[in-house]
C-alpha cells in the first residue's frame, strides 16, 4: 500500500471512530433521565393590603431562594376567579375564611395552608353623617358582599345593638362601590376598607364600626387545590416559607415594602398602610392552627359555617378537620 493510500485510510478510520463515539455519546445523553422543570405555581391575589406580601417575596427573590417559581396574578375581584381556581386554571388563591367555607360547598377538594393576615381594624362599616350609632341602622340600607365574610361581619356588628339582618336591608355591593353608593344615598352605611375608606370619608362618611371590635373573626388565607397539594408539596412548602419571610420583611421595612408594592401595582404609596392589619407570622399561624386553642381557626370556621347554614348560603357544614393543612408551616428538615 502506498504511503498516500495508507494516510487516507488512517484518516478515514479516525473519522469513523469519532463519528461512532459521537453517536454513542448522543445516544447515552438522550436516554439518560432528565429532571423536568416544574411550571410556576400560579396564585391569584386581590386588592386587600394583607394579600400583598407575595409581591415582596417575588421582587426580593424570597420564593426563588426557597426553590420555587411563582406566578402571581392580580385581580381586583378574586371572587370572580373562584370558578377558574376550582377548574384548575390556578393552583392557589387568596381567600377570606368565610369565602373558603362558601367555596367548599361546590369544591370540597381544597385546603387552607397559611393564614396571611387578620384584620384588627382595617375592615370598617362607614356610615352617613346622620347615622350616629349602630342602633340608628334599623330600617336602613347597608352595602355588603352578601354570601361571604362581609355578611358575617355585618351580623356581628348588628348583634352589638341587639339587631339582626332582618332589621336592615342588605344590598350586595363590593368594597370599592361603597363610597359612591353612600354618597348617592343608595345605602346609608357599608362595609369597606382602604383605599376605599378614605374616599368614603372624603365624601362625607364616618367610621361606625371596625374589625377591632370582632377579634379573630376576619382572617385571610391562601388555599390550594388538593391535587396540587398532593403532587407538589415541596413547592407549596417553599411558597409558604417565602411568603412568611416577606411578611416579616415588610413589617421591618415598611417604606421599602410600600415602594415595591406601589411600583408593582401602579398605585400611590400613600394609599398603602398596615394600620389595622396584622400580617400573620409563623408563631401566630401555629397557634391558630391548633384545634385546642380557644381562638383556633377551627372554632372561627364553625361560626361562619353555622351562619351560612342558617342563611341558606350552604346546605351542609364542611368537615372542618379536613379543611386546613398546617404541615407546610415548618421548613423541611
C-alpha atoms as a PDB file:
ATOM      1  CA  UNK A   1       0.000   0.000   0.000  1.00  0.00           C
ATOM      2  CA  UNK A   2       1.323   3.404  -0.959  1.00  0.00           C
ATOM      3  CA  UNK A   3       2.019   5.996   1.694  1.00  0.00           C
ATOM      4  CA  UNK A   4      -0.759   8.259   0.333  1.00  0.00           C
ATOM      5  CA  UNK A   5      -3.331   5.435   0.422  1.00  0.00           C
ATOM      6  CA  UNK A   6      -2.260   4.434   3.944  1.00  0.00           C
ATOM      7  CA  UNK A   7      -2.584   8.018   5.212  1.00  0.00           C
ATOM      8  CA  UNK A   8      -6.014   8.338   3.636  1.00  0.00           C
ATOM      9  CA  UNK A   9      -7.123   5.030   5.182  1.00  0.00           C
ATOM     10  CA  UNK A  10      -5.847   6.105   8.588  1.00  0.00           C
ATOM     11  CA  UNK A  11      -7.688   9.427   8.349  1.00  0.00           C
ATOM     12  CA  UNK A  12     -10.937   7.728   7.378  1.00  0.00           C
ATOM     13  CA  UNK A  13     -10.569   5.320  10.277  1.00  0.00           C
ATOM     14  CA  UNK A  14     -10.131   8.190  12.736  1.00  0.00           C
ATOM     15  CA  UNK A  15     -13.149   9.967  11.292  1.00  0.00           C
ATOM     16  CA  UNK A  16     -15.195   6.782  11.604  1.00  0.00           C
ATOM     17  CA  UNK A  17     -14.154   6.256  15.223  1.00  0.00           C
ATOM     18  CA  UNK A  18     -15.017   9.895  16.011  1.00  0.00           C
ATOM     19  CA  UNK A  19     -18.454   9.610  14.423  1.00  0.00           C
ATOM     20  CA  UNK A  20     -19.250   6.332  16.183  1.00  0.00           C
ATOM     21  CA  UNK A  21     -18.128   7.786  19.530  1.00  0.00           C
ATOM     22  CA  UNK A  22     -20.199  10.900  19.000  1.00  0.00           C
ATOM     23  CA  UNK A  23     -23.259   8.834  18.154  1.00  0.00           C
ATOM     24  CA  UNK A  24     -22.796   6.686  21.252  1.00  0.00           C
ATOM     25  CA  UNK A  25     -22.398   9.732  23.482  1.00  0.00           C
ATOM     26  CA  UNK A  26     -25.501  11.330  21.998  1.00  0.00           C
ATOM     27  CA  UNK A  27     -27.485   8.121  22.483  1.00  0.00           C
ATOM     28  CA  UNK A  28     -26.382   7.875  26.100  1.00  0.00           C
ATOM     29  CA  UNK A  29     -27.275  11.511  26.736  1.00  0.00           C
ATOM     30  CA  UNK A  30     -30.650  11.167  25.043  1.00  0.00           C
ATOM     31  CA  UNK A  31     -31.556   8.056  27.011  1.00  0.00           C
ATOM     32  CA  UNK A  32     -30.413   9.457  30.374  1.00  0.00           C
ATOM     33  CA  UNK A  33     -33.301  10.528  32.626  1.00  0.00           C
ATOM     34  CA  UNK A  34     -33.675  14.311  32.748  1.00  0.00           C
ATOM     35  CA  UNK A  35     -35.272  16.336  35.523  1.00  0.00           C
ATOM     36  CA  UNK A  36     -38.185  18.214  34.035  1.00  0.00           C
ATOM     37  CA  UNK A  37     -38.541  21.830  35.090  1.00  0.00           C
ATOM     38  CA  UNK A  38     -41.718  22.322  37.097  1.00  0.00           C
ATOM     39  CA  UNK A  39     -44.104  25.041  35.976  1.00  0.00           C
ATOM     40  CA  UNK A  40     -44.524  28.004  38.321  1.00  0.00           C
ATOM     41  CA  UNK A  41     -47.186  27.890  40.995  1.00  0.00           C
ATOM     42  CA  UNK A  42     -49.985  30.145  39.741  1.00  0.00           C
ATOM     43  CA  UNK A  43     -51.563  32.023  42.639  1.00  0.00           C
ATOM     44  CA  UNK A  44     -54.301  34.667  42.391  1.00  0.00           C
ATOM     45  CA  UNK A  45     -54.486  37.517  44.901  1.00  0.00           C
ATOM     46  CA  UNK A  46     -56.785  40.502  45.369  1.00  0.00           C
ATOM     47  CA  UNK A  47     -56.825  44.130  46.451  1.00  0.00           C
ATOM     48  CA  UNK A  48     -56.689  43.899  50.258  1.00  0.00           C
ATOM     49  CA  UNK A  49     -53.340  45.003  51.668  1.00  0.00           C
ATOM     50  CA  UNK A  50     -52.865  41.777  53.624  1.00  0.00           C
ATOM     51  CA  UNK A  51     -52.624  39.943  50.282  1.00  0.00           C
ATOM     52  CA  UNK A  52     -49.563  41.910  49.127  1.00  0.00           C
ATOM     53  CA  UNK A  53     -46.598  40.169  50.839  1.00  0.00           C
ATOM     54  CA  UNK A  54     -46.384  37.855  47.828  1.00  0.00           C
ATOM     55  CA  UNK A  55     -45.315  40.834  45.711  1.00  0.00           C
ATOM     56  CA  UNK A  56     -42.416  41.497  48.074  1.00  0.00           C
ATOM     57  CA  UNK A  57     -41.498  37.800  48.129  1.00  0.00           C
ATOM     58  CA  UNK A  58     -41.393  37.862  44.330  1.00  0.00           C
ATOM     59  CA  UNK A  59     -39.415  41.087  43.951  1.00  0.00           C
ATOM     60  CA  UNK A  60     -36.932  40.313  46.747  1.00  0.00           C
ATOM     61  CA  UNK A  61     -36.345  36.771  45.465  1.00  0.00           C
ATOM     62  CA  UNK A  62     -37.665  35.023  48.571  1.00  0.00           C
ATOM     63  CA  UNK A  63     -39.655  32.455  46.564  1.00  0.00           C
ATOM     64  CA  UNK A  64     -36.646  31.735  44.325  1.00  0.00           C
ATOM     65  CA  UNK A  65     -34.377  31.343  47.342  1.00  0.00           C
ATOM     66  CA  UNK A  66     -36.766  28.725  48.718  1.00  0.00           C
ATOM     67  CA  UNK A  67     -36.618  26.866  45.393  1.00  0.00           C
ATOM     68  CA  UNK A  68     -39.977  27.579  43.790  1.00  0.00           C
ATOM     69  CA  UNK A  69     -41.092  29.597  40.784  1.00  0.00           C
ATOM     70  CA  UNK A  70     -44.258  31.567  41.432  1.00  0.00           C
ATOM     71  CA  UNK A  71     -46.566  33.408  39.062  1.00  0.00           C
ATOM     72  CA  UNK A  72     -48.711  35.919  40.937  1.00  0.00           C
ATOM     73  CA  UNK A  73     -51.904  37.033  39.213  1.00  0.00           C
ATOM     74  CA  UNK A  74     -53.509  40.246  40.482  1.00  0.00           C
ATOM     75  CA  UNK A  75     -57.295  40.500  40.220  1.00  0.00           C
ATOM     76  CA  UNK A  76     -59.359  43.210  41.866  1.00  0.00           C
ATOM     77  CA  UNK A  77     -62.250  40.748  42.179  1.00  0.00           C
ATOM     78  CA  UNK A  78     -60.847  37.409  43.292  1.00  0.00           C
ATOM     79  CA  UNK A  79     -64.360  36.114  43.950  1.00  0.00           C
ATOM     80  CA  UNK A  80     -64.879  36.095  40.185  1.00  0.00           C
ATOM     81  CA  UNK A  81     -61.857  33.798  39.852  1.00  0.00           C
ATOM     82  CA  UNK A  82     -63.038  31.085  42.225  1.00  0.00           C
ATOM     83  CA  UNK A  83     -64.631  29.052  39.440  1.00  0.00           C
ATOM     84  CA  UNK A  84     -61.393  29.288  37.429  1.00  0.00           C
ATOM     85  CA  UNK A  85     -59.448  28.182  40.505  1.00  0.00           C
ATOM     86  CA  UNK A  86     -61.741  25.205  41.046  1.00  0.00           C
ATOM     87  CA  UNK A  87     -61.452  24.311  37.345  1.00  0.00           C
ATOM     88  CA  UNK A  88     -57.652  24.159  37.586  1.00  0.00           C
ATOM     89  CA  UNK A  89     -56.686  27.437  35.920  1.00  0.00           C
ATOM     90  CA  UNK A  90     -54.844  28.468  39.084  1.00  0.00           C
ATOM     91  CA  UNK A  91     -53.045  26.422  41.732  1.00  0.00           C
ATOM     92  CA  UNK A  92     -53.854  28.677  44.665  1.00  0.00           C
ATOM     93  CA  UNK A  93     -55.923  31.702  45.589  1.00  0.00           C
ATOM     94  CA  UNK A  94     -56.184  34.134  48.480  1.00  0.00           C
ATOM     95  CA  UNK A  95     -59.464  33.905  50.351  1.00  0.00           C
ATOM     96  CA  UNK A  96     -61.159  35.146  53.468  1.00  0.00           C
ATOM     97  CA  UNK A  97     -62.053  32.384  55.890  1.00  0.00           C
ATOM     98  CA  UNK A  98     -65.737  32.976  55.210  1.00  0.00           C
ATOM     99  CA  UNK A  99     -65.277  32.715  51.454  1.00  0.00           C
ATOM    100  CA  UNK A 100     -63.357  29.471  51.928  1.00  0.00           C
ATOM    101  CA  UNK A 101     -66.363  27.988  53.725  1.00  0.00           C
ATOM    102  CA  UNK A 102     -68.656  29.084  50.881  1.00  0.00           C
ATOM    103  CA  UNK A 103     -66.293  27.666  48.257  1.00  0.00           C
ATOM    104  CA  UNK A 104     -66.260  24.223  49.865  1.00  0.00           C
ATOM    105  CA  UNK A 105     -69.964  23.898  49.022  1.00  0.00           C
ATOM    106  CA  UNK A 106     -69.041  23.480  45.341  1.00  0.00           C
ATOM    107  CA  UNK A 107     -65.420  22.397  45.663  1.00  0.00           C
ATOM    108  CA  UNK A 108     -64.638  20.353  48.790  1.00  0.00           C
ATOM    109  CA  UNK A 109     -61.200  19.328  47.464  1.00  0.00           C
ATOM    110  CA  UNK A 110     -59.328  22.389  48.744  1.00  0.00           C
ATOM    111  CA  UNK A 111     -57.344  23.253  51.855  1.00  0.00           C
ATOM    112  CA  UNK A 112     -56.124  26.396  53.580  1.00  0.00           C
ATOM    113  CA  UNK A 113     -52.372  26.155  54.183  1.00  0.00           C
ATOM    114  CA  UNK A 114     -51.456  29.530  55.684  1.00  0.00           C
ATOM    115  CA  UNK A 115     -53.213  32.414  57.444  1.00  0.00           C
ATOM    116  CA  UNK A 116     -51.800  35.549  55.845  1.00  0.00           C
ATOM    117  CA  UNK A 117     -53.461  38.300  57.861  1.00  0.00           C
ATOM    118  CA  UNK A 118     -56.003  39.248  60.477  1.00  0.00           C
ATOM    119  CA  UNK A 119     -57.996  42.433  60.219  1.00  0.00           C
ATOM    120  CA  UNK A 120     -57.726  44.261  63.546  1.00  0.00           C
ATOM    121  CA  UNK A 121     -59.412  47.472  62.496  1.00  0.00           C
ATOM    122  CA  UNK A 122     -58.868  47.633  58.732  1.00  0.00           C
ATOM    123  CA  UNK A 123     -62.374  46.378  57.927  1.00  0.00           C
ATOM    124  CA  UNK A 124     -64.909  49.068  58.740  1.00  0.00           C
ATOM    125  CA  UNK A 125     -68.546  49.946  58.404  1.00  0.00           C
ATOM    126  CA  UNK A 126     -68.686  53.534  57.194  1.00  0.00           C
ATOM    127  CA  UNK A 127     -71.935  55.464  57.508  1.00  0.00           C
ATOM    128  CA  UNK A 128     -73.584  58.702  56.510  1.00  0.00           C
ATOM    129  CA  UNK A 129     -73.210  61.573  58.969  1.00  0.00           C
ATOM    130  CA  UNK A 130     -76.740  61.285  60.396  1.00  0.00           C
ATOM    131  CA  UNK A 131     -76.078  57.668  61.473  1.00  0.00           C
ATOM    132  CA  UNK A 132     -74.502  58.104  64.913  1.00  0.00           C
ATOM    133  CA  UNK A 133     -74.780  54.605  66.392  1.00  0.00           C
ATOM    134  CA  UNK A 134     -75.298  51.045  65.193  1.00  0.00           C
ATOM    135  CA  UNK A 135     -78.846  51.209  66.569  1.00  0.00           C
ATOM    136  CA  UNK A 136     -79.545  54.017  64.070  1.00  0.00           C
ATOM    137  CA  UNK A 137     -79.143  51.486  61.244  1.00  0.00           C
ATOM    138  CA  UNK A 138     -82.537  49.918  61.921  1.00  0.00           C
ATOM    139  CA  UNK A 139     -84.574  50.054  58.724  1.00  0.00           C
ATOM    140  CA  UNK A 140     -81.627  51.424  56.713  1.00  0.00           C
ATOM    141  CA  UNK A 141     -79.848  50.037  53.645  1.00  0.00           C
ATOM    142  CA  UNK A 142     -76.407  48.516  54.224  1.00  0.00           C
ATOM    143  CA  UNK A 143     -73.933  47.659  51.477  1.00  0.00           C
ATOM    144  CA  UNK A 144     -72.119  44.370  51.957  1.00  0.00           C
ATOM    145  CA  UNK A 145     -70.721  41.487  49.951  1.00  0.00           C
ATOM    146  CA  UNK A 146     -73.515  39.002  50.562  1.00  0.00           C
ATOM    147  CA  UNK A 147     -72.609  35.357  50.932  1.00  0.00           C
ATOM    148  CA  UNK A 148     -69.132  35.917  52.347  1.00  0.00           C
ATOM    149  CA  UNK A 149     -67.280  37.062  55.446  1.00  0.00           C
ATOM    150  CA  UNK A 150     -68.658  40.584  54.927  1.00  0.00           C
ATOM    151  CA  UNK A 151     -72.166  39.415  55.756  1.00  0.00           C
ATOM    152  CA  UNK A 152     -70.971  37.718  58.957  1.00  0.00           C
ATOM    153  CA  UNK A 153     -69.047  40.869  59.916  1.00  0.00           C
ATOM    154  CA  UNK A 154     -72.240  42.903  59.454  1.00  0.00           C
ATOM    155  CA  UNK A 155     -74.209  40.408  61.571  1.00  0.00           C
ATOM    156  CA  UNK A 156     -71.672  40.689  64.388  1.00  0.00           C
ATOM    157  CA  UNK A 157     -71.945  44.484  64.290  1.00  0.00           C
ATOM    158  CA  UNK A 158     -75.758  44.386  64.398  1.00  0.00           C
ATOM    159  CA  UNK A 159     -75.649  41.947  67.284  1.00  0.00           C
ATOM    160  CA  UNK A 160     -73.857  44.616  69.341  1.00  0.00           C
ATOM    161  CA  UNK A 161     -77.053  46.714  69.144  1.00  0.00           C
ATOM    162  CA  UNK A 162     -79.437  43.773  69.583  1.00  0.00           C
ATOM    163  CA  UNK A 163     -80.330  43.914  65.898  1.00  0.00           C
ATOM    164  CA  UNK A 164     -80.322  41.197  63.229  1.00  0.00           C
ATOM    165  CA  UNK A 165     -80.141  41.196  59.449  1.00  0.00           C
ATOM    166  CA  UNK A 166     -83.945  41.232  59.429  1.00  0.00           C
ATOM    167  CA  UNK A 167     -83.884  44.720  60.958  1.00  0.00           C
ATOM    168  CA  UNK A 168     -81.980  46.219  57.994  1.00  0.00           C
ATOM    169  CA  UNK A 169     -81.928  45.960  54.215  1.00  0.00           C
ATOM    170  CA  UNK A 170     -78.719  44.379  52.952  1.00  0.00           C
ATOM    171  CA  UNK A 171     -77.586  45.438  49.478  1.00  0.00           C
ATOM    172  CA  UNK A 172     -74.987  43.352  47.632  1.00  0.00           C
ATOM    173  CA  UNK A 173     -72.009  45.615  46.919  1.00  0.00           C
ATOM    174  CA  UNK A 174     -68.236  45.351  46.642  1.00  0.00           C
ATOM    175  CA  UNK A 175     -65.962  47.329  48.977  1.00  0.00           C
ATOM    176  CA  UNK A 176     -64.883  49.689  46.196  1.00  0.00           C
ATOM    177  CA  UNK A 177     -68.516  50.539  45.388  1.00  0.00           C
ATOM    178  CA  UNK A 178     -69.376  51.705  48.902  1.00  0.00           C
ATOM    179  CA  UNK A 179     -68.154  55.355  48.673  1.00  0.00           C
ATOM    180  CA  UNK A 180     -70.227  56.241  45.607  1.00  0.00           C
ATOM    181  CA  UNK A 181     -73.371  54.421  46.700  1.00  0.00           C
ATOM    182  CA  UNK A 182     -73.079  56.019  50.139  1.00  0.00           C
ATOM    183  CA  UNK A 183     -72.660  59.458  48.586  1.00  0.00           C
ATOM    184  CA  UNK A 184     -75.665  58.913  46.287  1.00  0.00           C
ATOM    185  CA  UNK A 185     -77.828  57.769  49.243  1.00  0.00           C
ATOM    186  CA  UNK A 186     -78.439  54.347  47.671  1.00  0.00           C
ATOM    187  CA  UNK A 187     -77.193  52.979  51.000  1.00  0.00           C
ATOM    188  CA  UNK A 188     -76.777  54.619  54.387  1.00  0.00           C
ATOM    189  CA  UNK A 189     -73.831  52.500  55.529  1.00  0.00           C
ATOM    190  CA  UNK A 190     -71.496  49.875  54.082  1.00  0.00           C
ATOM    191  CA  UNK A 191     -68.565  47.579  54.699  1.00  0.00           C
ATOM    192  CA  UNK A 192     -65.286  48.611  53.095  1.00  0.00           C
ATOM    193  CA  UNK A 193     -61.543  49.093  53.644  1.00  0.00           C
ATOM    194  CA  UNK A 194     -58.669  51.192  52.362  1.00  0.00           C
ATOM    195  CA  UNK A 195     -58.166  52.794  49.935  1.00  0.00           C
ATOM    196  CA  UNK A 196     -61.960  52.973  49.516  1.00  0.00           C
ATOM    197  CA  UNK A 197     -62.469  54.057  53.139  1.00  0.00           C
ATOM    198  CA  UNK A 198     -60.538  57.291  52.611  1.00  0.00           C
ATOM    199  CA  UNK A 199     -62.676  58.037  49.568  1.00  0.00           C
ATOM    200  CA  UNK A 200     -65.871  57.434  51.550  1.00  0.00           C
ATOM    201  CA  UNK A 201     -64.718  59.774  54.317  1.00  0.00           C
ATOM    202  CA  UNK A 202     -63.882  62.494  51.776  1.00  0.00           C
ATOM    203  CA  UNK A 203     -67.455  62.175  50.522  1.00  0.00           C
ATOM    204  CA  UNK A 204     -68.859  62.763  53.999  1.00  0.00           C
ATOM    205  CA  UNK A 205     -68.915  59.307  55.585  1.00  0.00           C
ATOM    206  CA  UNK A 206     -67.576  58.388  59.017  1.00  0.00           C
ATOM    207  CA  UNK A 207     -66.455  55.172  60.690  1.00  0.00           C
ATOM    208  CA  UNK A 208     -69.223  53.477  62.664  1.00  0.00           C
ATOM    209  CA  UNK A 209     -67.731  50.048  63.458  1.00  0.00           C
ATOM    210  CA  UNK A 210     -64.404  48.263  62.862  1.00  0.00           C
ATOM    211  CA  UNK A 211     -62.945  44.755  62.973  1.00  0.00           C
ATOM    212  CA  UNK A 212     -61.082  45.793  66.136  1.00  0.00           C
ATOM    213  CA  UNK A 213     -64.410  45.010  67.790  1.00  0.00           C
ATOM    214  CA  UNK A 214     -64.543  41.481  66.320  1.00  0.00           C
ATOM    215  CA  UNK A 215     -61.137  39.972  67.265  1.00  0.00           C
ATOM    216  CA  UNK A 216     -60.229  36.794  65.387  1.00  0.00           C
ATOM    217  CA  UNK A 217     -63.214  36.940  63.050  1.00  0.00           C
ATOM    218  CA  UNK A 218     -61.755  38.449  59.874  1.00  0.00           C
ATOM    219  CA  UNK A 219     -58.897  36.272  58.640  1.00  0.00           C
ATOM    220  CA  UNK A 220     -57.425  35.804  55.161  1.00  0.00           C
ATOM    221  CA  UNK A 221     -55.755  32.616  53.959  1.00  0.00           C
ATOM    222  CA  UNK A 222     -54.153  31.071  50.931  1.00  0.00           C
ATOM    223  CA  UNK A 223     -55.825  27.918  49.716  1.00  0.00           C
ATOM    224  CA  UNK A 224     -54.646  25.303  47.248  1.00  0.00           C
ATOM    225  CA  UNK A 225     -56.448  22.529  45.421  1.00  0.00           C
ATOM    226  CA  UNK A 226     -55.862  19.081  46.880  1.00  0.00           C
ATOM    227  CA  UNK A 227     -54.339  17.751  43.662  1.00  0.00           C
ATOM    228  CA  UNK A 228     -51.655  20.457  43.809  1.00  0.00           C
ATOM    229  CA  UNK A 229     -51.038  19.701  47.491  1.00  0.00           C
ATOM    230  CA  UNK A 230     -50.661  16.014  46.612  1.00  0.00           C
ATOM    231  CA  UNK A 231     -48.405  16.490  43.579  1.00  0.00           C
ATOM    232  CA  UNK A 232     -46.291  19.488  44.634  1.00  0.00           C
ATOM    233  CA  UNK A 233     -45.923  19.501  48.430  1.00  0.00           C
ATOM    234  CA  UNK A 234     -42.338  20.821  48.414  1.00  0.00           C
ATOM    235  CA  UNK A 235     -43.306  23.704  46.134  1.00  0.00           C
ATOM    236  CA  UNK A 236     -46.147  24.671  48.452  1.00  0.00           C
ATOM    237  CA  UNK A 237     -43.833  24.439  51.463  1.00  0.00           C
ATOM    238  CA  UNK A 238     -41.356  26.719  49.683  1.00  0.00           C
ATOM    239  CA  UNK A 239     -44.160  29.124  48.775  1.00  0.00           C
ATOM    240  CA  UNK A 240     -45.362  29.327  52.391  1.00  0.00           C
ATOM    241  CA  UNK A 241     -41.832  29.905  53.691  1.00  0.00           C
ATOM    242  CA  UNK A 242     -41.209  32.632  51.119  1.00  0.00           C
ATOM    243  CA  UNK A 243     -44.494  34.336  51.985  1.00  0.00           C
ATOM    244  CA  UNK A 244     -43.769  34.297  55.724  1.00  0.00           C
ATOM    245  CA  UNK A 245     -40.311  35.733  55.073  1.00  0.00           C
ATOM    246  CA  UNK A 246     -41.846  38.551  53.029  1.00  0.00           C
ATOM    247  CA  UNK A 247     -44.387  39.381  55.751  1.00  0.00           C
ATOM    248  CA  UNK A 248     -41.612  39.662  58.334  1.00  0.00           C
ATOM    249  CA  UNK A 249     -39.502  41.749  55.961  1.00  0.00           C
ATOM    250  CA  UNK A 250     -42.333  44.170  55.185  1.00  0.00           C
ATOM    251  CA  UNK A 251     -43.108  44.787  58.871  1.00  0.00           C
ATOM    252  CA  UNK A 252     -39.416  45.576  59.454  1.00  0.00           C
ATOM    253  CA  UNK A 253     -39.049  47.680  56.275  1.00  0.00           C
ATOM    254  CA  UNK A 254     -42.407  49.369  55.822  1.00  0.00           C
ATOM    255  CA  UNK A 255     -41.346  52.162  53.472  1.00  0.00           C
ATOM    256  CA  UNK A 256     -39.351  49.881  51.177  1.00  0.00           C
ATOM    257  CA  UNK A 257     -42.157  47.334  51.151  1.00  0.00           C
ATOM    258  CA  UNK A 258     -44.699  50.010  50.302  1.00  0.00           C
ATOM    259  CA  UNK A 259     -42.480  51.274  47.479  1.00  0.00           C
ATOM    260  CA  UNK A 260     -42.161  47.765  45.999  1.00  0.00           C
ATOM    261  CA  UNK A 261     -45.926  47.242  46.073  1.00  0.00           C
ATOM    262  CA  UNK A 262     -46.663  50.746  44.788  1.00  0.00           C
ATOM    263  CA  UNK A 263     -44.445  50.171  41.767  1.00  0.00           C
ATOM    264  CA  UNK A 264     -45.765  46.675  41.063  1.00  0.00           C
ATOM    265  CA  UNK A 265     -49.455  47.598  41.240  1.00  0.00           C
ATOM    266  CA  UNK A 266     -49.055  51.179  39.965  1.00  0.00           C
ATOM    267  CA  UNK A 267     -50.845  52.668  42.961  1.00  0.00           C
ATOM    268  CA  UNK A 268     -49.746  55.647  45.111  1.00  0.00           C
ATOM    269  CA  UNK A 269     -47.600  54.545  48.038  1.00  0.00           C
ATOM    270  CA  UNK A 270     -49.502  56.892  50.365  1.00  0.00           C
ATOM    271  CA  UNK A 271     -52.595  54.713  49.913  1.00  0.00           C
ATOM    272  CA  UNK A 272     -50.752  51.756  51.454  1.00  0.00           C
ATOM    273  CA  UNK A 273     -50.988  51.324  55.207  1.00  0.00           C
ATOM    274  CA  UNK A 274     -50.665  48.339  57.505  1.00  0.00           C
ATOM    275  CA  UNK A 275     -52.667  50.125  60.178  1.00  0.00           C
ATOM    276  CA  UNK A 276     -55.430  47.831  61.368  1.00  0.00           C
ATOM    277  CA  UNK A 277     -53.858  44.799  59.699  1.00  0.00           C
ATOM    278  CA  UNK A 278     -51.734  42.132  61.324  1.00  0.00           C
ATOM    279  CA  UNK A 279     -49.584  40.199  58.853  1.00  0.00           C
ATOM    280  CA  UNK A 280     -49.619  36.775  60.470  1.00  0.00           C
ATOM    281  CA  UNK A 281     -46.212  35.294  61.275  1.00  0.00           C
ATOM    282  CA  UNK A 282     -45.173  31.676  61.780  1.00  0.00           C
ATOM    283  CA  UNK A 283     -45.902  31.595  65.510  1.00  0.00           C
ATOM    284  CA  UNK A 284     -49.376  33.067  65.076  1.00  0.00           C
ATOM    285  CA  UNK A 285     -50.140  30.553  62.339  1.00  0.00           C
ATOM    286  CA  UNK A 286     -49.051  27.648  64.502  1.00  0.00           C
ATOM    287  CA  UNK A 287     -51.289  28.809  67.363  1.00  0.00           C
ATOM    288  CA  UNK A 288     -54.321  29.419  65.166  1.00  0.00           C
ATOM    289  CA  UNK A 289     -53.982  26.008  63.519  1.00  0.00           C
ATOM    290  CA  UNK A 290     -54.082  24.253  66.917  1.00  0.00           C
ATOM    291  CA  UNK A 291     -57.586  22.894  67.411  1.00  0.00           C
ATOM    292  CA  UNK A 292     -57.155  23.058  71.205  1.00  0.00           C
ATOM    293  CA  UNK A 293     -56.598  26.824  71.062  1.00  0.00           C
ATOM    294  CA  UNK A 294     -59.796  28.645  72.177  1.00  0.00           C
ATOM    295  CA  UNK A 295     -59.193  31.120  69.322  1.00  0.00           C
ATOM    296  CA  UNK A 296     -58.314  28.456  66.751  1.00  0.00           C
ATOM    297  CA  UNK A 297     -59.259  28.780  63.127  1.00  0.00           C
ATOM    298  CA  UNK A 298     -61.463  25.695  63.510  1.00  0.00           C
ATOM    299  CA  UNK A 299     -63.680  27.471  66.040  1.00  0.00           C
ATOM    300  CA  UNK A 300     -63.905  30.613  63.903  1.00  0.00           C
ATOM    301  CA  UNK A 301     -64.698  28.495  60.844  1.00  0.00           C
ATOM    302  CA  UNK A 302     -67.587  26.931  62.800  1.00  0.00           C
ATOM    303  CA  UNK A 303     -69.028  30.427  63.373  1.00  0.00           C
ATOM    304  CA  UNK A 304     -69.030  31.037  59.618  1.00  0.00           C
ATOM    305  CA  UNK A 305     -70.342  27.585  58.767  1.00  0.00           C
ATOM    306  CA  UNK A 306     -73.238  27.860  61.211  1.00  0.00           C
ATOM    307  CA  UNK A 307     -74.130  31.331  59.906  1.00  0.00           C
ATOM    308  CA  UNK A 308     -74.100  30.205  56.275  1.00  0.00           C
ATOM    309  CA  UNK A 309     -76.259  27.192  57.092  1.00  0.00           C
ATOM    310  CA  UNK A 310     -78.834  29.427  58.800  1.00  0.00           C
ATOM    311  CA  UNK A 311     -78.797  31.932  55.943  1.00  0.00           C
ATOM    312  CA  UNK A 312     -79.067  29.218  53.289  1.00  0.00           C
ATOM    313  CA  UNK A 313     -75.743  30.055  51.602  1.00  0.00           C
ATOM    314  CA  UNK A 314     -74.579  26.462  52.100  1.00  0.00           C
ATOM    315  CA  UNK A 315     -76.602  23.313  52.622  1.00  0.00           C
ATOM    316  CA  UNK A 316     -74.048  21.315  54.578  1.00  0.00           C
ATOM    317  CA  UNK A 317     -71.320  22.099  57.074  1.00  0.00           C
ATOM    318  CA  UNK A 318     -67.920  21.093  55.662  1.00  0.00           C
ATOM    319  CA  UNK A 319     -65.686  18.682  57.518  1.00  0.00           C
ATOM    320  CA  UNK A 320     -63.625  21.324  59.312  1.00  0.00           C
ATOM    321  CA  UNK A 321     -60.829  18.943  60.310  1.00  0.00           C
ATOM    322  CA  UNK A 322     -60.025  18.312  56.648  1.00  0.00           C
ATOM    323  CA  UNK A 323     -60.306  21.953  55.618  1.00  0.00           C
ATOM    324  CA  UNK A 324     -56.931  23.127  56.924  1.00  0.00           C
ATOM    325  CA  UNK A 325     -53.409  21.812  56.435  1.00  0.00           C
ATOM    326  CA  UNK A 326     -50.671  23.156  58.698  1.00  0.00           C
ATOM    327  CA  UNK A 327     -47.982  20.741  57.502  1.00  0.00           C
ATOM    328  CA  UNK A 328     -46.330  23.378  55.280  1.00  0.00           C
ATOM    329  CA  UNK A 329     -45.654  25.898  58.043  1.00  0.00           C
ATOM    330  CA  UNK A 330     -42.315  24.410  59.044  1.00  0.00           C
ATOM    331  CA  UNK A 331     -39.246  24.147  56.823  1.00  0.00           C
ATOM    332  CA  UNK A 332     -38.354  20.672  55.589  1.00  0.00           C
ATOM    333  CA  UNK A 333     -35.860  19.037  57.924  1.00  0.00           C
END
